[in-house]
Structures are given as structure tokens and as C-alpha cells.
Amino acid sequence: MALDELERHVTKLLANIAEDCQGLTVHDVSHVHQLWHVASTICGPDYPINPLEGFVLGAAFLIHDAGLTASVYPKGVEGLMNPLIS
């Protein structure tokens, strides 16, 4: 399934957040999974959602914090600090 594959890739990125953003609350894949519970609580058990909407919501949950790790940027932290590095 495409969402499972996306999760496998993003989980590796999310694992780096704790090191790159020390002192930040938990933003690993367990945080992503918790967002499903929060959305369910907000919307209620009978909120209609089709498979495409579920995929888009799941993908948004997965990638919404991925930018908190320098590993998503070319050249990592060094590239962020000095954009002229090639």
C-alpha cells in the first residue's frame, strides 16, 4: 500500500528530529499515529471519509513534521547554514 511505503520512508526522517531539534516534544512516528486518534476524537466515529481523503490525510500527518530534521535538506545542517555550499 502506498501509505505504508510512505510511512517507511518518513519514519527514517522523523527519527532524526530528536537529534536535530533537541528539547522538542516527541515528533517521531508515534506522534503521527496519535494524530489519527486526535482527528477521530474531533470528527467523531461517524464522520464520512473516503479512501482518497484518508490517503491525503495520512500523507499530511506523515510529512507535516518531516521538515524539522536537517536530513531532508541537501547538505544537511551545513547546507542550511551556508546556502552557497554546492
N, C-alpha and C. Protein backbone atom coordinates (compact mmCIF):
# COMPACT_ATOMS: atom_id res chain seq x y z
N MET A 1 0.84 -1.17 0.00
CA MET A 1 0.00 0.00 0.00
C MET A 1 0.90 1.25 0.00
N ALA A 2 0.50 2.25 -0.74
CA ALA A 2 1.31 3.46 -0.92
C ALA A 2 1.54 4.20 0.40
N LEU A 3 0.53 4.27 1.24
CA LEU A 3 0.68 4.99 2.51
C LEU A 3 1.66 4.27 3.43
N ASP A 4 1.65 2.94 3.40
CA ASP A 4 2.62 2.17 4.19
C ASP A 4 4.04 2.43 3.71
N GLU A 5 4.22 2.50 2.40
CA GLU A 5 5.56 2.77 1.86
C GLU A 5 6.02 4.18 2.23
N LEU A 6 5.12 5.13 2.13
CA LEU A 6 5.46 6.50 2.54
C LEU A 6 5.85 6.52 4.01
N GLU A 7 5.11 5.80 4.84
CA GLU A 7 5.44 5.76 6.27
C GLU A 7 6.82 5.17 6.51
N ARG A 8 7.19 4.14 5.78
CA ARG A 8 8.52 3.54 5.95
C ARG A 8 9.62 4.57 5.66
N HIS A 9 9.43 5.35 4.62
CA HIS A 9 10.44 6.36 4.28
C HIS A 9 10.46 7.51 5.28
N VAL A 10 9.29 8.01 5.63
CA VAL A 10 9.20 9.16 6.52
C VAL A 10 9.64 8.80 7.94
N THR A 11 9.39 7.58 8.37
CA THR A 11 9.79 7.15 9.72
C THR A 11 11.28 7.35 9.92
N LYS A 12 12.07 7.09 8.90
CA LYS A 12 13.52 7.28 8.99
C LYS A 12 13.86 8.75 9.20
N LEU A 13 13.16 9.63 8.51
CA LEU A 13 13.40 11.07 8.67
C LEU A 13 12.97 11.54 10.06
N LEU A 14 11.78 11.12 10.48
CA LEU A 14 11.26 11.55 11.77
C LEU A 14 12.16 11.12 12.92
N ALA A 15 12.85 10.01 12.75
CA ALA A 15 13.75 9.52 13.80
C ALA A 15 14.90 10.49 14.06
N ASN A 16 15.21 11.35 13.10
CA ASN A 16 16.31 12.31 13.25
C ASN A 16 15.90 13.60 13.94
N ILE A 17 14.61 13.84 14.12
CA ILE A 17 14.15 15.10 14.68
C ILE A 17 14.68 15.31 16.09
N ALA A 18 14.67 14.27 16.91
CA ALA A 18 15.12 14.41 18.30
C ALA A 18 16.55 14.94 18.39
N GLU A 19 17.39 14.52 17.46
CA GLU A 19 18.79 14.99 17.47
C GLU A 19 18.91 16.39 16.87
N ASP A 20 18.18 16.65 15.79
CA ASP A 20 18.28 17.93 15.11
C ASP A 20 17.57 19.06 15.86
N CYS A 21 16.52 18.73 16.58
CA CYS A 21 15.74 19.74 17.33
C CYS A 21 15.66 19.31 18.78
N GLN A 22 16.78 19.32 19.45
CA GLN A 22 16.83 18.87 20.84
C GLN A 22 15.92 19.73 21.71
N GLY A 23 15.22 19.07 22.62
CA GLY A 23 14.31 19.76 23.51
C GLY A 23 12.89 19.85 22.99
N LEU A 24 12.68 19.47 21.75
CA LEU A 24 11.34 19.48 21.17
C LEU A 24 10.56 18.28 21.69
N THR A 25 9.26 18.40 21.78
CA THR A 25 8.45 17.27 22.19
C THR A 25 8.57 16.14 21.16
N VAL A 26 8.01 15.00 21.46
CA VAL A 26 8.13 13.83 20.58
C VAL A 26 7.49 14.11 19.22
N HIS A 27 8.27 13.91 18.18
CA HIS A 27 7.78 14.08 16.81
C HIS A 27 8.20 12.90 15.93
N ASP A 28 8.24 11.73 16.52
CA ASP A 28 8.55 10.53 15.74
C ASP A 28 7.26 9.95 15.18
N VAL A 29 7.32 8.74 14.65
CA VAL A 29 6.15 8.15 14.01
C VAL A 29 5.02 7.89 15.01
N SER A 30 5.34 7.76 16.29
CA SER A 30 4.27 7.58 17.28
C SER A 30 3.40 8.85 17.35
N HIS A 31 4.00 9.99 17.15
CA HIS A 31 3.26 11.26 17.09
C HIS A 31 2.30 11.24 15.91
N VAL A 32 2.77 10.77 14.77
CA VAL A 32 1.93 10.67 13.58
C VAL A 32 0.73 9.77 13.85
N HIS A 33 0.98 8.63 14.46
CA HIS A 33 -0.12 7.69 14.76
C HIS A 33 -1.12 8.32 15.73
N GLN A 34 -0.64 9.11 16.67
CA GLN A 34 -1.53 9.77 17.63
C GLN A 34 -2.44 10.77 16.94
N LEU A 35 -1.99 11.36 15.84
CA LEU A 35 -2.82 12.33 15.13
C LEU A 35 -4.11 11.70 14.60
N TRP A 36 -4.05 10.42 14.25
CA TRP A 36 -5.28 9.72 13.82
C TRP A 36 -6.29 9.69 14.95
N HIS A 37 -5.82 9.45 16.16
CA HIS A 37 -6.71 9.42 17.32
C HIS A 37 -7.30 10.81 17.60
N VAL A 38 -6.48 11.82 17.46
CA VAL A 38 -6.95 13.20 17.68
C VAL A 38 -8.02 13.55 16.64
N ALA A 39 -7.75 13.23 15.38
CA ALA A 39 -8.72 13.53 14.31
C ALA A 39 -10.02 12.77 14.55
N SER A 40 -9.92 11.54 14.99
CA SER A 40 -11.12 10.75 15.27
C SER A 40 -11.92 11.34 16.42
N THR A 41 -11.23 11.84 17.42
CA THR A 41 -11.90 12.47 18.56
C THR A 41 -12.61 13.75 18.12
N ILE A 42 -11.94 14.54 17.30
CA ILE A 42 -12.52 15.80 16.83
C ILE A 42 -13.72 15.56 15.92
N CYS A 43 -13.57 14.64 14.98
CA CYS A 43 -14.61 14.40 13.97
C CYS A 43 -15.71 13.46 14.45
N GLY A 44 -15.38 12.60 15.38
CA GLY A 44 -16.36 11.62 15.84
C GLY A 44 -16.30 10.35 15.00
N PRO A 45 -16.88 9.28 15.50
CA PRO A 45 -16.77 7.98 14.84
C PRO A 45 -17.57 7.85 13.54
N ASP A 46 -18.52 8.73 13.31
CA ASP A 46 -19.38 8.59 12.13
C ASP A 46 -19.06 9.59 11.02
N TYR A 47 -17.92 10.28 11.13
CA TYR A 47 -17.55 11.26 10.11
C TYR A 47 -17.19 10.52 8.82
N PRO A 48 -17.85 10.86 7.71
CA PRO A 48 -17.57 10.13 6.46
C PRO A 48 -16.24 10.56 5.84
N ILE A 49 -15.44 9.59 5.46
CA ILE A 49 -14.17 9.86 4.80
C ILE A 49 -13.95 8.76 3.77
N ASN A 50 -13.66 9.16 2.54
CA ASN A 50 -13.45 8.15 1.50
C ASN A 50 -11.97 7.76 1.47
N PRO A 51 -11.63 6.71 0.73
CA PRO A 51 -10.23 6.24 0.71
C PRO A 51 -9.22 7.30 0.25
N LEU A 52 -9.57 8.10 -0.74
CA LEU A 52 -8.64 9.14 -1.20
C LEU A 52 -8.41 10.19 -0.11
N GLU A 53 -9.47 10.59 0.55
CA GLU A 53 -9.34 11.55 1.64
C GLU A 53 -8.50 10.97 2.77
N GLY A 54 -8.69 9.69 3.05
CA GLY A 54 -7.90 9.02 4.08
C GLY A 54 -6.42 9.00 3.72
N PHE A 55 -6.12 8.74 2.44
CA PHE A 55 -4.73 8.73 1.99
C PHE A 55 -4.11 10.12 2.13
N VAL A 56 -4.81 11.14 1.67
CA VAL A 56 -4.28 12.51 1.74
C VAL A 56 -4.07 12.93 3.19
N LEU A 57 -5.03 12.63 4.05
CA LEU A 57 -4.90 12.96 5.46
C LEU A 57 -3.72 12.22 6.08
N GLY A 58 -3.60 10.93 5.79
CA GLY A 58 -2.49 10.14 6.31
C GLY A 58 -1.15 10.65 5.83
N ALA A 59 -1.06 11.01 4.55
CA ALA A 59 0.19 11.54 4.00
C ALA A 59 0.53 12.88 4.67
N ALA A 60 -0.48 13.72 4.88
CA ALA A 60 -0.24 15.00 5.55
C ALA A 60 0.25 14.79 6.97
N PHE A 61 -0.34 13.82 7.68
CA PHE A 61 0.12 13.51 9.03
C PHE A 61 1.59 13.07 9.00
N LEU A 62 1.94 12.26 8.01
CA LEU A 62 3.31 11.74 7.94
C LEU A 62 4.34 12.83 7.66
N ILE A 63 4.04 13.72 6.74
CA ILE A 63 5.07 14.67 6.31
C ILE A 63 5.02 16.00 7.04
N HIS A 64 4.01 16.24 7.88
CA HIS A 64 3.85 17.58 8.44
C HIS A 64 5.01 18.01 9.32
N ASP A 65 5.74 17.10 9.93
CA ASP A 65 6.89 17.47 10.77
C ASP A 65 8.24 17.09 10.16
N ALA A 66 8.23 16.48 8.99
CA ALA A 66 9.47 15.98 8.40
C ALA A 66 10.50 17.10 8.18
N GLY A 67 10.05 18.31 7.96
CA GLY A 67 10.97 19.43 7.75
C GLY A 67 11.72 19.85 9.00
N LEU A 68 11.40 19.24 10.14
CA LEU A 68 12.11 19.57 11.38
C LEU A 68 13.48 18.90 11.47
N THR A 69 13.79 18.04 10.53
CA THR A 69 15.10 17.40 10.54
C THR A 69 15.94 17.91 9.37
N ALA A 70 17.17 18.22 9.65
CA ALA A 70 18.06 18.74 8.61
C ALA A 70 18.34 17.72 7.54
N SER A 71 18.08 16.44 7.82
CA SER A 71 18.38 15.40 6.83
C SER A 71 17.49 15.49 5.60
N VAL A 72 16.42 16.27 5.63
CA VAL A 72 15.58 16.42 4.45
C VAL A 72 16.11 17.48 3.49
N TYR A 73 17.14 18.21 3.93
CA TYR A 73 17.70 19.28 3.11
C TYR A 73 19.03 18.84 2.49
N PRO A 74 19.27 19.22 1.25
CA PRO A 74 20.57 18.90 0.65
C PRO A 74 21.69 19.48 1.50
N LYS A 75 22.69 18.71 1.76
CA LYS A 75 23.87 19.10 2.56
C LYS A 75 23.55 19.28 4.05
N GLY A 76 22.35 18.88 4.50
CA GLY A 76 22.01 18.89 5.92
C GLY A 76 22.15 20.25 6.57
N VAL A 77 22.55 20.26 7.83
CA VAL A 77 22.70 21.49 8.60
C VAL A 77 23.68 22.43 7.94
N GLU A 78 24.77 21.88 7.44
CA GLU A 78 25.81 22.70 6.81
C GLU A 78 25.22 23.47 5.61
N GLY A 79 24.39 22.81 4.84
CA GLY A 79 23.75 23.46 3.70
C GLY A 79 22.75 24.52 4.11
N LEU A 80 22.07 24.32 5.24
CA LEU A 80 21.14 25.32 5.74
C LEU A 80 21.87 26.56 6.25
N MET A 81 23.02 26.32 6.89
CA MET A 81 23.79 27.43 7.45
C MET A 81 24.50 28.24 6.36
N ASN A 82 24.89 27.57 5.28
CA ASN A 82 25.60 28.24 4.21
C ASN A 82 25.03 27.78 2.88
N PRO A 83 24.00 28.47 2.36
CA PRO A 83 23.34 28.04 1.13
C PRO A 83 24.24 28.11 -0.10
N LEU A 84 25.41 28.70 0.00
CA LEU A 84 26.31 28.78 -1.14
C LEU A 84 27.15 27.52 -1.32
N ILE A 85 27.06 26.58 -0.35
CA ILE A 85 27.78 25.31 -0.47
C ILE A 85 27.14 24.51 -1.59
N SER A 86 27.97 23.99 -2.47
CA SER A 86 27.41 23.18 -3.57
C SER A 86 27.91 21.76 -3.52
